[in-house]
Amino acid sequence: MNNSRHGEIIQVEIMEPISLTVESAVQRFDVPTDMLAAVLAGSRPITQELVRD
C-alpha cells in the first residue's frame, strides 16, 4: 500500500468520523504538525516515531 493511501485511510476512516482536525490531532497525539500533514498528504510514510504508545 502506498503512502498516499495510508494518509487517505487515516483521514477518512479515523479523523473525519470524529471531526478531528490536523491541529487537534497534533495536540491530542503529541506529534509534529509537519509530520502528520506529510503523512496525510502521502509524502511521508507512517513511521515508529508517529505510531508510539
PDB file of N, CA and C in Angstrom:
ATOM      1  N   MET A   1       0.855  -1.177   0.000  1.00  0.00           N
ATOM      2  CA  MET A   1       0.000   0.000   0.000  1.00  0.00           C
ATOM      3  C   MET A   1       0.898   1.236   0.000  1.00  0.00           C
ATOM      4  N   ASN A   2       0.577   2.215  -0.827  1.00  0.00           N
ATOM      5  CA  ASN A   2       1.435   3.392  -0.915  1.00  0.00           C
ATOM      6  C   ASN A   2       1.108   4.419   0.165  1.00  0.00           C
ATOM      7  N   ASN A   3       2.017   5.369   0.354  1.00  0.00           N
ATOM      8  CA  ASN A   3       1.877   6.368   1.410  1.00  0.00           C
ATOM      9  C   ASN A   3       0.615   7.204   1.273  1.00  0.00           C
ATOM     10  N   SER A   4       0.241   7.562   0.043  1.00  0.00           N
ATOM     11  CA  SER A   4      -0.947   8.398  -0.131  1.00  0.00           C
ATOM     12  C   SER A   4      -2.200   7.660   0.320  1.00  0.00           C
ATOM     13  N   ARG A   5      -2.235   6.375   0.136  1.00  0.00           N
ATOM     14  CA  ARG A   5      -3.381   5.573   0.588  1.00  0.00           C
ATOM     15  C   ARG A   5      -3.450   5.553   2.109  1.00  0.00           C
ATOM     16  N   HIS A   6      -2.308   5.452   2.771  1.00  0.00           N
ATOM     17  CA  HIS A   6      -2.293   5.476   4.238  1.00  0.00           C
ATOM     18  C   HIS A   6      -2.878   6.782   4.759  1.00  0.00           C
ATOM     19  N   GLY A   7      -2.451   7.891   4.186  1.00  0.00           N
ATOM     20  CA  GLY A   7      -2.964   9.192   4.607  1.00  0.00           C
ATOM     21  C   GLY A   7      -4.459   9.307   4.389  1.00  0.00           C
ATOM     22  N   GLU A   8      -4.919   8.789   3.257  1.00  0.00           N
ATOM     23  CA  GLU A   8      -6.352   8.824   2.948  1.00  0.00           C
ATOM     24  C   GLU A   8      -7.144   7.995   3.960  1.00  0.00           C
ATOM     25  N   ILE A   9      -6.643   6.835   4.307  1.00  0.00           N
ATOM     26  CA  ILE A   9      -7.322   5.980   5.289  1.00  0.00           C
ATOM     27  C   ILE A   9      -7.398   6.675   6.640  1.00  0.00           C
ATOM     28  N   ILE A  10      -6.307   7.281   7.066  1.00  0.00           N
ATOM     29  CA  ILE A  10      -6.303   7.989   8.350  1.00  0.00           C
ATOM     30  C   ILE A  10      -7.344   9.096   8.342  1.00  0.00           C
ATOM     31  N   GLN A  11      -7.385   9.869   7.263  1.00  0.00           N
ATOM     32  CA  GLN A  11      -8.345  10.969   7.191  1.00  0.00           C
ATOM     33  C   GLN A  11      -9.786  10.483   7.155  1.00  0.00           C
ATOM     34  N   VAL A  12     -10.078   9.566   6.250  1.00  0.00           N
ATOM     35  CA  VAL A  12     -11.461   9.142   6.015  1.00  0.00           C
ATOM     36  C   VAL A  12     -11.991   8.217   7.110  1.00  0.00           C
ATOM     37  N   GLU A  13     -11.187   7.286   7.545  1.00  0.00           N
ATOM     38  CA  GLU A  13     -11.657   6.275   8.493  1.00  0.00           C
ATOM     39  C   GLU A  13     -11.496   6.667   9.960  1.00  0.00           C
ATOM     40  N   ILE A  14     -10.576   7.574  10.251  1.00  0.00           N
ATOM     41  CA  ILE A  14     -10.319   7.917  11.654  1.00  0.00           C
ATOM     42  C   ILE A  14     -10.685   9.362  11.961  1.00  0.00           C
ATOM     43  N   MET A  15     -10.129  10.290  11.205  1.00  0.00           N
ATOM     44  CA  MET A  15     -10.288  11.700  11.548  1.00  0.00           C
ATOM     45  C   MET A  15     -11.681  12.249  11.231  1.00  0.00           C
ATOM     46  N   GLU A  16     -12.163  12.009  10.025  1.00  0.00           N
ATOM     47  CA  GLU A  16     -13.455  12.577   9.623  1.00  0.00           C
ATOM     48  C   GLU A  16     -14.631  12.110  10.478  1.00  0.00           C
ATOM     49  N   PRO A  17     -14.747  10.828  10.814  1.00  0.00           N
ATOM     50  CA  PRO A  17     -15.904  10.394  11.603  1.00  0.00           C
ATOM     51  C   PRO A  17     -16.022  11.066  12.977  1.00  0.00           C
ATOM     52  N   ILE A  18     -14.896  11.493  13.526  1.00  0.00           N
ATOM     53  CA  ILE A  18     -14.959  12.144  14.846  1.00  0.00           C
ATOM     54  C   ILE A  18     -14.618  13.630  14.751  1.00  0.00           C
ATOM     55  N   SER A  19     -14.666  14.166  13.527  1.00  0.00           N
ATOM     56  CA  SER A  19     -14.393  15.584  13.273  1.00  0.00           C
ATOM     57  C   SER A  19     -13.065  16.036  13.866  1.00  0.00           C
ATOM     58  N   LEU A  20     -12.045  15.216  13.691  1.00  0.00           N
ATOM     59  CA  LEU A  20     -10.716  15.511  14.215  1.00  0.00           C
ATOM     60  C   LEU A  20      -9.926  16.272  13.156  1.00  0.00           C
ATOM     61  N   THR A  21      -9.505  17.480  13.493  1.00  0.00           N
ATOM     62  CA  THR A  21      -8.700  18.282  12.575  1.00  0.00           C
ATOM     63  C   THR A  21      -7.226  17.933  12.756  1.00  0.00           C
ATOM     64  N   VAL A  22      -6.411  18.366  11.820  1.00  0.00           N
ATOM     65  CA  VAL A  22      -4.968  18.149  11.951  1.00  0.00           C
ATOM     66  C   VAL A  22      -4.475  18.811  13.232  1.00  0.00           C
ATOM     67  N   GLU A  23      -4.925  20.024  13.490  1.00  0.00           N
ATOM     68  CA  GLU A  23      -4.487  20.755  14.677  1.00  0.00           C
ATOM     69  C   GLU A  23      -4.853  20.021  15.965  1.00  0.00           C
ATOM     70  N   SER A  24      -6.065  19.512  16.043  1.00  0.00           N
ATOM     71  CA  SER A  24      -6.469  18.805  17.262  1.00  0.00           C
ATOM     72  C   SER A  24      -5.777  17.451  17.373  1.00  0.00           C
ATOM     73  N   ALA A  25      -5.523  16.796  16.246  1.00  0.00           N
ATOM     74  CA  ALA A  25      -4.806  15.515  16.273  1.00  0.00           C
ATOM     75  C   ALA A  25      -3.372  15.713  16.745  1.00  0.00           C
ATOM     76  N   VAL A  26      -2.743  16.778  16.286  1.00  0.00           N
ATOM     77  CA  VAL A  26      -1.371  17.095  16.693  1.00  0.00           C
ATOM     78  C   VAL A  26      -1.304  17.281  18.206  1.00  0.00           C
ATOM     79  N   GLN A  27      -2.246  18.010  18.754  1.00  0.00           N
ATOM     80  CA  GLN A  27      -2.276  18.231  20.206  1.00  0.00           C
ATOM     81  C   GLN A  27      -2.606  16.948  20.951  1.00  0.00           C
ATOM     82  N   ARG A  28      -3.598  16.243  20.486  1.00  0.00           N
ATOM     83  CA  ARG A  28      -4.051  15.035  21.175  1.00  0.00           C
ATOM     84  C   ARG A  28      -2.993  13.938  21.188  1.00  0.00           C
ATOM     85  N   PHE A  29      -2.285  13.771  20.077  1.00  0.00           N
ATOM     86  CA  PHE A  29      -1.328  12.672  19.953  1.00  0.00           C
ATOM     87  C   PHE A  29       0.129  13.101  20.088  1.00  0.00           C
ATOM     88  N   ASP A  30       0.346  14.389  20.331  1.00  0.00           N
ATOM     89  CA  ASP A  30       1.686  14.927  20.568  1.00  0.00           C
ATOM     90  C   ASP A  30       2.663  14.544  19.457  1.00  0.00           C
ATOM     91  N   VAL A  31       2.280  14.879  18.231  1.00  0.00           N
ATOM     92  CA  VAL A  31       3.157  14.661  17.074  1.00  0.00           C
ATOM     93  C   VAL A  31       3.370  16.005  16.381  1.00  0.00           C
ATOM     94  N   PRO A  32       4.484  16.171  15.693  1.00  0.00           N
ATOM     95  CA  PRO A  32       4.728  17.425  14.978  1.00  0.00           C
ATOM     96  C   PRO A  32       3.718  17.646  13.845  1.00  0.00           C
ATOM     97  N   THR A  33       3.276  18.872  13.699  1.00  0.00           N
ATOM     98  CA  THR A  33       2.303  19.218  12.666  1.00  0.00           C
ATOM     99  C   THR A  33       2.799  18.847  11.277  1.00  0.00           C
ATOM    100  N   ASP A  34       4.058  19.179  10.980  1.00  0.00           N
ATOM    101  CA  ASP A  34       4.573  18.898   9.641  1.00  0.00           C
ATOM    102  C   ASP A  34       4.628  17.401   9.356  1.00  0.00           C
ATOM    103  N   MET A  35       4.896  16.606  10.381  1.00  0.00           N
ATOM    104  CA  MET A  35       4.953  15.155  10.207  1.00  0.00           C
ATOM    105  C   MET A  35       3.564  14.601   9.869  1.00  0.00           C
ATOM    106  N   LEU A  36       2.556  14.976  10.644  1.00  0.00           N
ATOM    107  CA  LEU A  36       1.210  14.475  10.393  1.00  0.00           C
ATOM    108  C   LEU A  36       0.688  14.976   9.052  1.00  0.00           C
ATOM    109  N   ALA A  37       0.921  16.231   8.747  1.00  0.00           N
ATOM    110  CA  ALA A  37       0.466  16.783   7.470  1.00  0.00           C
ATOM    111  C   ALA A  37       1.106  16.041   6.298  1.00  0.00           C
ATOM    112  N   ALA A  38       2.379  15.714   6.422  1.00  0.00           N
ATOM    113  CA  ALA A  38       3.074  14.991   5.352  1.00  0.00           C
ATOM    114  C   ALA A  38       2.530  13.573   5.188  1.00  0.00           C
ATOM    115  N   VAL A  39       2.213  12.913   6.282  1.00  0.00           N
ATOM    116  CA  VAL A  39       1.622  11.568   6.211  1.00  0.00           C
ATOM    117  C   VAL A  39       0.259  11.644   5.523  1.00  0.00           C
ATOM    118  N   LEU A  40      -0.552  12.614   5.922  1.00  0.00           N
ATOM    119  CA  LEU A  40      -1.881  12.750   5.327  1.00  0.00           C
ATOM    120  C   LEU A  40      -1.798  13.096   3.843  1.00  0.00           C
ATOM    121  N   ALA A  41      -0.768  13.831   3.448  1.00  0.00           N
ATOM    122  CA  ALA A  41      -0.582  14.202   2.043  1.00  0.00           C
ATOM    123  C   ALA A  41       0.040  13.078   1.222  1.00  0.00           C
ATOM    124  N   GLY A  42       0.524  12.048   1.908  1.00  0.00           N
ATOM    125  CA  GLY A  42       1.127  10.924   1.201  1.00  0.00           C
ATOM    126  C   GLY A  42       2.585  11.116   0.857  1.00  0.00           C
ATOM    127  N   SER A  43       3.203  12.148   1.407  1.00  0.00           N
ATOM    128  CA  SER A  43       4.608  12.399   1.089  1.00  0.00           C
ATOM    129  C   SER A  43       5.568  11.877   2.154  1.00  0.00           C
ATOM    130  N   ARG A  44       5.033  11.254   3.180  1.00  0.00           N
ATOM    131  CA  ARG A  44       5.867  10.675   4.235  1.00  0.00           C
ATOM    132  C   ARG A  44       5.217   9.370   4.698  1.00  0.00           C
ATOM    133  N   PRO A  45       6.011   8.338   4.924  1.00  0.00           N
ATOM    134  CA  PRO A  45       5.435   7.078   5.408  1.00  0.00           C
ATOM    135  C   PRO A  45       5.079   7.164   6.890  1.00  0.00           C
ATOM    136  N   ILE A  46       4.241   6.265   7.326  1.00  0.00           N
ATOM    137  CA  ILE A  46       3.957   6.143   8.754  1.00  0.00           C
ATOM    138  C   ILE A  46       5.151   5.433   9.371  1.00  0.00           C
ATOM    139  N   THR A  47       5.756   6.063  10.360  1.00  0.00           N
ATOM    140  CA  THR A  47       6.954   5.512  10.992  1.00  0.00           C
ATOM    141  C   THR A  47       6.693   5.213  12.461  1.00  0.00           C
ATOM    142  N   GLN A  48       7.618   4.535  13.079  1.00  0.00           N
ATOM    143  CA  GLN A  48       7.526   4.221  14.505  1.00  0.00           C
ATOM    144  C   GLN A  48       7.443   5.496  15.337  1.00  0.00           C
ATOM    145  N   GLU A  49       8.097   6.559  14.877  1.00  0.00           N
ATOM    146  CA  GLU A  49       8.067   7.841  15.587  1.00  0.00           C
ATOM    147  C   GLU A  49       6.641   8.382  15.677  1.00  0.00           C
ATOM    148  N   LEU A  50       5.875   8.184  14.626  1.00  0.00           N
ATOM    149  CA  LEU A  50       4.491   8.659  14.601  1.00  0.00           C
ATOM    150  C   LEU A  50       3.578   7.729  15.390  1.00  0.00           C
ATOM    151  N   VAL A  51       3.820   6.445  15.303  1.00  0.00           N
ATOM    152  CA  VAL A  51       2.971   5.446  15.952  1.00  0.00           C
ATOM    153  C   VAL A  51       3.686   4.932  17.189  1.00  0.00           C
ATOM    154  N   ARG A  52       3.475   5.614  18.263  1.00  0.00           N
ATOM    155  CA  ARG A  52       4.118   5.201  19.511  1.00  0.00           C
ATOM    156  C   ARG A  52       3.064   5.067  20.592  1.00  0.00           C
ATOM    157  N   ASP A  53       3.403   4.339  21.621  1.00  0.00           N
ATOM    158  CA  ASP A  53       2.438   4.107  22.715  1.00  0.00           C
ATOM    159  C   ASP A  53       2.272   5.333  23.557  1.00  0.00           C
TER     160      ASP A  53
END
